[in-house]
């Protein structure tokens, strides 16, 4: 059950594909619920690594090229319907969402 008092992040993985392969990029996102204290990290590497662990097999199986990664804050009221988490570890809970 989502907690209104938790903090939420949206980690985006975006592949810019060459025009000869397709005319648009592929984007995947992971919503992360932070349920407790997390090491302060100005580059959000902990969030990116947690999200990558969730998506790693999919990215490898689909043959993604190197991707751009970004982390954004997301408010509780902006969350999509999430369902069952893909991963829970420590104070982090993650869901895969299509961006």
C-alpha atoms as a PDB file:
ATOM      1  CA  UNK A   1       0.000   0.000   0.000  1.00  0.00           C
ATOM      2  CA  UNK A   2       1.411   3.365  -1.022  1.00  0.00           C
ATOM      3  CA  UNK A   3       2.142   5.815   1.776  1.00  0.00           C
ATOM      4  CA  UNK A   4       1.366   9.498   1.330  1.00  0.00           C
ATOM      5  CA  UNK A   5       4.245  10.269   3.747  1.00  0.00           C
ATOM      6  CA  UNK A   6       6.870   8.496   1.618  1.00  0.00           C
ATOM      7  CA  UNK A   7       9.008  10.257  -0.973  1.00  0.00           C
ATOM      8  CA  UNK A   8       8.747   9.192  -4.609  1.00  0.00           C
ATOM      9  CA  UNK A   9      11.179   9.359  -7.521  1.00  0.00           C
ATOM     10  CA  UNK A  10      10.744   8.560 -11.200  1.00  0.00           C
ATOM     11  CA  UNK A  11      13.876   7.208 -12.859  1.00  0.00           C
ATOM     12  CA  UNK A  12      13.805   7.427 -16.661  1.00  0.00           C
ATOM     13  CA  UNK A  13      15.942   5.353 -19.031  1.00  0.00           C
ATOM     14  CA  UNK A  14      15.860   6.706 -22.583  1.00  0.00           C
ATOM     15  CA  UNK A  15      17.549   5.239 -25.632  1.00  0.00           C
ATOM     16  CA  UNK A  16      18.090   7.562 -28.563  1.00  0.00           C
ATOM     17  CA  UNK A  17      18.021   5.243 -31.531  1.00  0.00           C
ATOM     18  CA  UNK A  18      19.554   6.045 -34.922  1.00  0.00           C
ATOM     19  CA  UNK A  19      17.016   7.147 -37.532  1.00  0.00           C
ATOM     20  CA  UNK A  20      17.778   4.123 -39.697  1.00  0.00           C
ATOM     21  CA  UNK A  21      16.497   1.806 -36.917  1.00  0.00           C
ATOM     22  CA  UNK A  22      13.384   3.703 -35.910  1.00  0.00           C
ATOM     23  CA  UNK A  23      11.996   7.207 -35.834  1.00  0.00           C
ATOM     24  CA  UNK A  24      11.535   7.400 -32.083  1.00  0.00           C
ATOM     25  CA  UNK A  25      13.303   6.674 -28.839  1.00  0.00           C
ATOM     26  CA  UNK A  26      12.437   3.982 -26.342  1.00  0.00           C
ATOM     27  CA  UNK A  27      11.725   5.070 -22.788  1.00  0.00           C
ATOM     28  CA  UNK A  28      11.242   3.000 -19.649  1.00  0.00           C
ATOM     29  CA  UNK A  29      10.606   4.337 -16.172  1.00  0.00           C
ATOM     30  CA  UNK A  30      10.775   3.024 -12.646  1.00  0.00           C
ATOM     31  CA  UNK A  31       8.799   4.643  -9.854  1.00  0.00           C
ATOM     32  CA  UNK A  32      10.648   4.353  -6.538  1.00  0.00           C
ATOM     33  CA  UNK A  33       9.056   4.788  -3.147  1.00  0.00           C
ATOM     34  CA  UNK A  34      11.574   5.880  -0.499  1.00  0.00           C
ATOM     35  CA  UNK A  35      10.156   4.664   2.803  1.00  0.00           C
ATOM     36  CA  UNK A  36      12.965   5.775   5.101  1.00  0.00           C
ATOM     37  CA  UNK A  37      16.331   7.487   5.219  1.00  0.00           C
ATOM     38  CA  UNK A  38      18.537   7.148   2.146  1.00  0.00           C
ATOM     39  CA  UNK A  39      22.127   8.328   1.727  1.00  0.00           C
ATOM     40  CA  UNK A  40      22.118  11.893   0.380  1.00  0.00           C
ATOM     41  CA  UNK A  41      23.416  11.660  -3.179  1.00  0.00           C
ATOM     42  CA  UNK A  42      23.432  14.756  -5.398  1.00  0.00           C
ATOM     43  CA  UNK A  43      23.664  12.597  -8.557  1.00  0.00           C
ATOM     44  CA  UNK A  44      20.972  10.141  -7.392  1.00  0.00           C
ATOM     45  CA  UNK A  45      23.237   7.163  -8.158  1.00  0.00           C
ATOM     46  CA  UNK A  46      21.533   4.982  -5.541  1.00  0.00           C
ATOM     47  CA  UNK A  47      18.160   5.529  -7.242  1.00  0.00           C
ATOM     48  CA  UNK A  48      19.599   4.959 -10.737  1.00  0.00           C
ATOM     49  CA  UNK A  49      21.389   1.750  -9.685  1.00  0.00           C
ATOM     50  CA  UNK A  50      18.267   0.407  -7.935  1.00  0.00           C
ATOM     51  CA  UNK A  51      16.148   1.133 -11.024  1.00  0.00           C
ATOM     52  CA  UNK A  52      18.774  -0.355 -13.362  1.00  0.00           C
ATOM     53  CA  UNK A  53      18.802  -3.585 -11.334  1.00  0.00           C
ATOM     54  CA  UNK A  54      15.062  -3.851 -12.012  1.00  0.00           C
ATOM     55  CA  UNK A  55      15.353  -3.146 -15.760  1.00  0.00           C
ATOM     56  CA  UNK A  56      18.736  -4.738 -16.527  1.00  0.00           C
ATOM     57  CA  UNK A  57      17.465  -7.983 -18.072  1.00  0.00           C
ATOM     58  CA  UNK A  58      14.824  -6.203 -20.172  1.00  0.00           C
ATOM     59  CA  UNK A  59      17.345  -3.665 -21.482  1.00  0.00           C
ATOM     60  CA  UNK A  60      19.827  -6.431 -22.336  1.00  0.00           C
ATOM     61  CA  UNK A  61      17.201  -8.721 -23.928  1.00  0.00           C
ATOM     62  CA  UNK A  62      15.806  -5.909 -26.076  1.00  0.00           C
ATOM     63  CA  UNK A  63      19.292  -4.880 -27.224  1.00  0.00           C
ATOM     64  CA  UNK A  64      19.205  -1.302 -26.030  1.00  0.00           C
ATOM     65  CA  UNK A  65      22.123   0.968 -26.918  1.00  0.00           C
ATOM     66  CA  UNK A  66      23.633   3.090 -24.125  1.00  0.00           C
ATOM     67  CA  UNK A  67      20.882   5.038 -22.438  1.00  0.00           C
ATOM     68  CA  UNK A  68      20.387   8.436 -20.889  1.00  0.00           C
ATOM     69  CA  UNK A  69      19.265   8.310 -17.270  1.00  0.00           C
ATOM     70  CA  UNK A  70      17.492  10.932 -15.200  1.00  0.00           C
ATOM     71  CA  UNK A  71      15.785  11.116 -11.814  1.00  0.00           C
ATOM     72  CA  UNK A  72      12.761  13.293 -11.130  1.00  0.00           C
ATOM     73  CA  UNK A  73      10.726  13.937  -8.030  1.00  0.00           C
ATOM     74  CA  UNK A  74       7.117  12.844  -8.357  1.00  0.00           C
ATOM     75  CA  UNK A  75       4.306  13.798  -6.013  1.00  0.00           C
ATOM     76  CA  UNK A  76       1.964  11.269  -4.432  1.00  0.00           C
ATOM     77  CA  UNK A  77      -0.952  12.759  -6.378  1.00  0.00           C
ATOM     78  CA  UNK A  78       0.939  12.249  -9.671  1.00  0.00           C
ATOM     79  CA  UNK A  79       1.533   8.514  -9.215  1.00  0.00           C
ATOM     80  CA  UNK A  80       0.008   6.126 -11.758  1.00  0.00           C
ATOM     81  CA  UNK A  81      -1.675   2.900 -10.656  1.00  0.00           C
ATOM     82  CA  UNK A  82       1.307   0.739  -9.726  1.00  0.00           C
ATOM     83  CA  UNK A  83       0.242  -2.797  -8.827  1.00  0.00           C
ATOM     84  CA  UNK A  84       2.814  -5.250  -7.460  1.00  0.00           C
ATOM     85  CA  UNK A  85       6.361  -3.943  -6.907  1.00  0.00           C
ATOM     86  CA  UNK A  86       9.132  -5.331  -9.135  1.00  0.00           C
ATOM     87  CA  UNK A  87      11.677  -5.062  -6.317  1.00  0.00           C
ATOM     88  CA  UNK A  88      11.873  -4.199  -2.623  1.00  0.00           C
ATOM     89  CA  UNK A  89      15.214  -3.613  -0.962  1.00  0.00           C
ATOM     90  CA  UNK A  90      15.861  -1.792   2.295  1.00  0.00           C
ATOM     91  CA  UNK A  91      14.042   1.542   2.215  1.00  0.00           C
ATOM     92  CA  UNK A  92      13.345   1.368  -1.530  1.00  0.00           C
ATOM     93  CA  UNK A  93      10.388  -0.121  -3.398  1.00  0.00           C
ATOM     94  CA  UNK A  94      10.300  -0.036  -7.215  1.00  0.00           C
ATOM     95  CA  UNK A  95       7.693  -0.468  -9.949  1.00  0.00           C
ATOM     96  CA  UNK A  96       8.258  -0.592 -13.719  1.00  0.00           C
ATOM     97  CA  UNK A  97       6.023   1.799 -15.664  1.00  0.00           C
ATOM     98  CA  UNK A  98       5.882   2.571 -19.364  1.00  0.00           C
ATOM     99  CA  UNK A  99       6.904   6.177 -19.895  1.00  0.00           C
END
